[in-house]
Amino acid sequence: MTTVLSHEAYHHSVGWAFGELLVLEQMSQLPPDSVLRVLQSIPKPLLRYALAGGEAAAEAKAERRASPRRKVLRGARVMVAGAAVAEVQVRDISEGGCRIWSRQPSCVPERFTIRIVGFGGERPCAVRWRAGEEIGVEFLSG
């Protein structure tokens, strides 16, 4: 069975990735003092993470995980009783679970089945954490 995302969800996924590239391009055209002002406006933890290339934070998180996560940007559907209840983006994935982003996180129930574009089939899931629009889920067996 093929999963097809809505036109809006597809463009949001592409737009998010393109938006990051656009910001970098725009910053490269600013005078040095303007770049400094932009950098000073970024919250310190986020700036440290960005300047480290995300590697330091990723290494610290990886040590606590049973299996390493890899970054992806895939569309997915949250399914309950065979019906789609939300369209989400999978931001990273491992053997044991994934991190998803939802425009409407309150629509994602505590237990559901996820259908990820390009990863055939469905996987039963349970929510392990929520932080704003991001949700960490564990893949359940069976």
C-alpha atoms as a PDB file:
ATOM      1  CA  MET A   1       0.000   0.000   0.000  1.00  0.00           C
ATOM      2  CA  THR A   2       1.363   3.424  -0.940  1.00  0.00           C
ATOM      3  CA  THR A   3       1.033   6.360   1.448  1.00  0.00           C
ATOM      4  CA  VAL A   4       0.324   9.658  -0.238  1.00  0.00           C
ATOM      5  CA  LEU A   5       0.629  12.933   1.652  1.00  0.00           C
ATOM      6  CA  SER A   6      -1.657  15.845   1.042  1.00  0.00           C
ATOM      7  CA  HIS A   7      -0.394  18.659  -1.159  1.00  0.00           C
ATOM      8  CA  GLU A   8      -0.117  20.929   1.918  1.00  0.00           C
ATOM      9  CA  ALA A   9       1.878  18.406   3.996  1.00  0.00           C
ATOM     10  CA  TYR A  10       4.299  17.765   1.131  1.00  0.00           C
ATOM     11  CA  HIS A  11       4.945  21.457   0.547  1.00  0.00           C
ATOM     12  CA  HIS A  12       5.352  22.080   4.272  1.00  0.00           C
ATOM     13  CA  SER A  13       8.052  19.361   4.456  1.00  0.00           C
ATOM     14  CA  VAL A  14       9.882  20.722   1.429  1.00  0.00           C
ATOM     15  CA  GLY A  15       9.402  24.304   2.610  1.00  0.00           C
ATOM     16  CA  TRP A  16      10.883  23.556   6.030  1.00  0.00           C
ATOM     17  CA  ALA A  17      14.111  22.184   4.520  1.00  0.00           C
ATOM     18  CA  PHE A  18      14.253  24.939   1.895  1.00  0.00           C
ATOM     19  CA  GLY A  19      13.631  27.571   4.589  1.00  0.00           C
ATOM     20  CA  GLU A  20      16.781  26.547   6.462  1.00  0.00           C
ATOM     21  CA  LEU A  21      18.863  26.890   3.297  1.00  0.00           C
ATOM     22  CA  LEU A  22      17.280  30.260   2.544  1.00  0.00           C
ATOM     23  CA  VAL A  23      18.153  31.588   6.019  1.00  0.00           C
ATOM     24  CA  LEU A  24      21.783  30.522   5.589  1.00  0.00           C
ATOM     25  CA  GLU A  25      21.952  32.156   2.173  1.00  0.00           C
ATOM     26  CA  GLN A  26      20.429  35.394   3.470  1.00  0.00           C
ATOM     27  CA  MET A  27      22.789  35.517   6.463  1.00  0.00           C
ATOM     28  CA  SER A  28      25.799  35.059   4.174  1.00  0.00           C
ATOM     29  CA  GLN A  29      24.838  38.284   2.399  1.00  0.00           C
ATOM     30  CA  LEU A  30      24.641  40.382   5.581  1.00  0.00           C
ATOM     31  CA  PRO A  31      27.450  42.652   6.748  1.00  0.00           C
ATOM     32  CA  PRO A  32      29.464  41.139   9.645  1.00  0.00           C
ATOM     33  CA  ASP A  33      27.927  43.398  12.319  1.00  0.00           C
ATOM     34  CA  SER A  34      24.409  42.356  11.256  1.00  0.00           C
ATOM     35  CA  VAL A  35      25.358  38.680  11.418  1.00  0.00           C
ATOM     36  CA  LEU A  36      26.640  39.291  14.950  1.00  0.00           C
ATOM     37  CA  ARG A  37      23.311  40.901  15.964  1.00  0.00           C
ATOM     38  CA  VAL A  38      21.386  37.938  14.521  1.00  0.00           C
ATOM     39  CA  LEU A  39      23.614  35.457  16.373  1.00  0.00           C
ATOM     40  CA  GLN A  40      23.226  37.397  19.624  1.00  0.00           C
ATOM     41  CA  SER A  41      19.426  37.143  19.318  1.00  0.00           C
ATOM     42  CA  ILE A  42      19.516  33.314  19.194  1.00  0.00           C
ATOM     43  CA  PRO A  43      18.986  31.572  22.579  1.00  0.00           C
ATOM     44  CA  LYS A  44      22.353  30.375  23.933  1.00  0.00           C
ATOM     45  CA  PRO A  45      21.537  26.620  24.116  1.00  0.00           C
ATOM     46  CA  LEU A  46      20.327  26.646  20.517  1.00  0.00           C
ATOM     47  CA  LEU A  47      23.366  28.630  19.384  1.00  0.00           C
ATOM     48  CA  ARG A  48      25.780  26.227  21.154  1.00  0.00           C
ATOM     49  CA  TYR A  49      24.042  23.293  19.486  1.00  0.00           C
ATOM     50  CA  ALA A  50      24.200  24.952  16.061  1.00  0.00           C
ATOM     51  CA  LEU A  51      27.844  25.975  16.398  1.00  0.00           C
ATOM     52  CA  ALA A  52      28.779  22.440  17.444  1.00  0.00           C
ATOM     53  CA  GLY A  53      27.022  21.214  14.312  1.00  0.00           C
ATOM     54  CA  GLY A  54      24.681  19.308  16.572  1.00  0.00           C
ATOM     55  CA  GLU A  55      27.402  16.699  17.042  1.00  0.00           C
ATOM     56  CA  ALA A  56      28.057  17.217  20.757  1.00  0.00           C
ATOM     57  CA  ALA A  57      24.366  17.059  21.645  1.00  0.00           C
ATOM     58  CA  ALA A  58      23.786  14.139  19.298  1.00  0.00           C
ATOM     59  CA  GLU A  59      26.684  12.198  20.832  1.00  0.00           C
ATOM     60  CA  ALA A  60      25.370  12.795  24.346  1.00  0.00           C
ATOM     61  CA  LYS A  61      21.893  11.605  23.355  1.00  0.00           C
ATOM     62  CA  ALA A  62      23.264   8.644  21.388  1.00  0.00           C
ATOM     63  CA  GLU A  63      24.973   7.298  24.497  1.00  0.00           C
ATOM     64  CA  ARG A  64      21.580   6.909  26.207  1.00  0.00           C
ATOM     65  CA  ARG A  65      19.891   5.226  23.262  1.00  0.00           C
ATOM     66  CA  ALA A  66      19.700   1.512  22.630  1.00  0.00           C
ATOM     67  CA  SER A  67      20.061   2.096  18.876  1.00  0.00           C
ATOM     68  CA  PRO A  68      21.413   5.143  17.010  1.00  0.00           C
ATOM     69  CA  ARG A  69      19.018   7.563  15.364  1.00  0.00           C
ATOM     70  CA  ARG A  70      19.457   8.901  11.870  1.00  0.00           C
ATOM     71  CA  LYS A  71      18.069  12.154  10.596  1.00  0.00           C
ATOM     72  CA  VAL A  72      15.294  11.901   8.045  1.00  0.00           C
ATOM     73  CA  LEU A  73      12.589  14.196   6.766  1.00  0.00           C
ATOM     74  CA  ARG A  74       9.691  11.964   5.800  1.00  0.00           C
ATOM     75  CA  GLY A  75       5.985  12.496   5.739  1.00  0.00           C
ATOM     76  CA  ALA A  76       3.857  10.093   7.758  1.00  0.00           C
ATOM     77  CA  ARG A  77       0.311   9.448   8.834  1.00  0.00           C
ATOM     78  CA  VAL A  78      -0.873   8.741  12.351  1.00  0.00           C
ATOM     79  CA  MET A  79      -3.479   5.986  12.115  1.00  0.00           C
ATOM     80  CA  VAL A  80      -6.077   4.895  14.676  1.00  0.00           C
ATOM     81  CA  ALA A  81      -8.322   1.920  13.900  1.00  0.00           C
ATOM     82  CA  GLY A  82      -7.242   2.079  10.244  1.00  0.00           C
ATOM     83  CA  ALA A  83      -8.156   5.751   9.777  1.00  0.00           C
ATOM     84  CA  ALA A  84      -5.703   8.642   9.423  1.00  0.00           C
ATOM     85  CA  VAL A  85      -6.067  11.138  12.290  1.00  0.00           C
ATOM     86  CA  ALA A  86      -3.022  13.352  11.623  1.00  0.00           C
ATOM     87  CA  GLU A  87      -0.273  14.030   9.104  1.00  0.00           C
ATOM     88  CA  VAL A  88       3.181  14.430  10.658  1.00  0.00           C
ATOM     89  CA  GLN A  89       6.842  14.675   9.711  1.00  0.00           C
ATOM     90  CA  VAL A  90       9.376  12.115  10.898  1.00  0.00           C
ATOM     91  CA  ARG A  91      12.504  14.080  11.854  1.00  0.00           C
ATOM     92  CA  ASP A  92      14.698  11.155  12.964  1.00  0.00           C
ATOM     93  CA  ILE A  93      14.301   7.414  13.274  1.00  0.00           C
ATOM     94  CA  SER A  94      15.951   4.394  14.890  1.00  0.00           C
ATOM     95  CA  GLU A  95      15.115   0.731  15.275  1.00  0.00           C
ATOM     96  CA  GLY A  96      13.281   1.519  18.504  1.00  0.00           C
ATOM     97  CA  GLY A  97      11.340   4.660  17.631  1.00  0.00           C
ATOM     98  CA  CYS A  98      11.264   8.061  15.992  1.00  0.00           C
ATOM     99  CA  ARG A  99      10.825  11.764  16.638  1.00  0.00           C
ATOM    100  CA  ILE A 100       7.874  13.306  14.866  1.00  0.00           C
ATOM    101  CA  TRP A 101       6.666  16.860  14.339  1.00  0.00           C
ATOM    102  CA  SER A 102       3.009  17.767  14.102  1.00  0.00           C
ATOM    103  CA  ARG A 103       1.308  21.050  13.350  1.00  0.00           C
ATOM    104  CA  GLN A 104      -1.445  19.830  15.710  1.00  0.00           C
ATOM    105  CA  PRO A 105       0.279  17.685  18.364  1.00  0.00           C
ATOM    106  CA  SER A 106      -2.923  17.385  20.408  1.00  0.00           C
ATOM    107  CA  CYS A 107      -4.363  15.248  17.560  1.00  0.00           C
ATOM    108  CA  VAL A 108      -1.680  12.595  18.134  1.00  0.00           C
ATOM    109  CA  PRO A 109      -2.995  10.046  20.691  1.00  0.00           C
ATOM    110  CA  GLU A 110      -0.857   8.218  23.258  1.00  0.00           C
ATOM    111  CA  ARG A 111      -1.023   4.973  21.225  1.00  0.00           C
ATOM    112  CA  PHE A 112      -1.381   4.735  17.463  1.00  0.00           C
ATOM    113  CA  THR A 113      -0.016   3.153  14.300  1.00  0.00           C
ATOM    114  CA  ILE A 114       2.324   5.157  12.058  1.00  0.00           C
ATOM    115  CA  ARG A 115       2.615   4.825   8.286  1.00  0.00           C
ATOM    116  CA  ILE A 116       5.869   6.462   7.097  1.00  0.00           C
ATOM    117  CA  VAL A 117       6.327   7.374   3.436  1.00  0.00           C
ATOM    118  CA  GLY A 118       9.038   5.166   1.921  1.00  0.00           C
ATOM    119  CA  PHE A 119       9.090   2.722   4.875  1.00  0.00           C
ATOM    120  CA  GLY A 120       6.601   0.047   3.779  1.00  0.00           C
ATOM    121  CA  GLY A 121       3.916  -0.997   6.202  1.00  0.00           C
ATOM    122  CA  GLU A 122       2.699   0.335   9.510  1.00  0.00           C
ATOM    123  CA  ARG A 123       4.295   0.294  12.963  1.00  0.00           C
ATOM    124  CA  PRO A 124       2.389   0.379  16.271  1.00  0.00           C
ATOM    125  CA  CYS A 125       3.665   3.205  18.507  1.00  0.00           C
ATOM    126  CA  ALA A 126       3.411   4.693  21.992  1.00  0.00           C
ATOM    127  CA  VAL A 127       4.238   8.294  22.884  1.00  0.00           C
ATOM    128  CA  ARG A 128       7.229   8.558  25.268  1.00  0.00           C
ATOM    129  CA  TRP A 129       7.597  12.350  25.424  1.00  0.00           C
ATOM    130  CA  ARG A 130       6.116  15.570  24.097  1.00  0.00           C
ATOM    131  CA  ALA A 131       7.812  18.963  23.687  1.00  0.00           C
ATOM    132  CA  GLY A 132       5.717  21.560  21.890  1.00  0.00           C
ATOM    133  CA  GLU A 133       5.113  20.333  18.359  1.00  0.00           C
ATOM    134  CA  GLU A 134       7.639  17.465  18.653  1.00  0.00           C
ATOM    135  CA  ILE A 135       6.766  14.010  19.935  1.00  0.00           C
ATOM    136  CA  GLY A 136       9.063  11.098  20.717  1.00  0.00           C
ATOM    137  CA  VAL A 137       7.513   7.703  20.011  1.00  0.00           C
ATOM    138  CA  GLU A 138       8.599   4.149  20.702  1.00  0.00           C
ATOM    139  CA  PHE A 139       7.863   1.394  18.192  1.00  0.00           C
ATOM    140  CA  LEU A 140       5.954  -1.423  19.848  1.00  0.00           C
ATOM    141  CA  SER A 141       6.256  -5.050  18.844  1.00  0.00           C
ATOM    142  CA  GLY A 142       3.312  -6.705  17.132  1.00  0.00           C
END
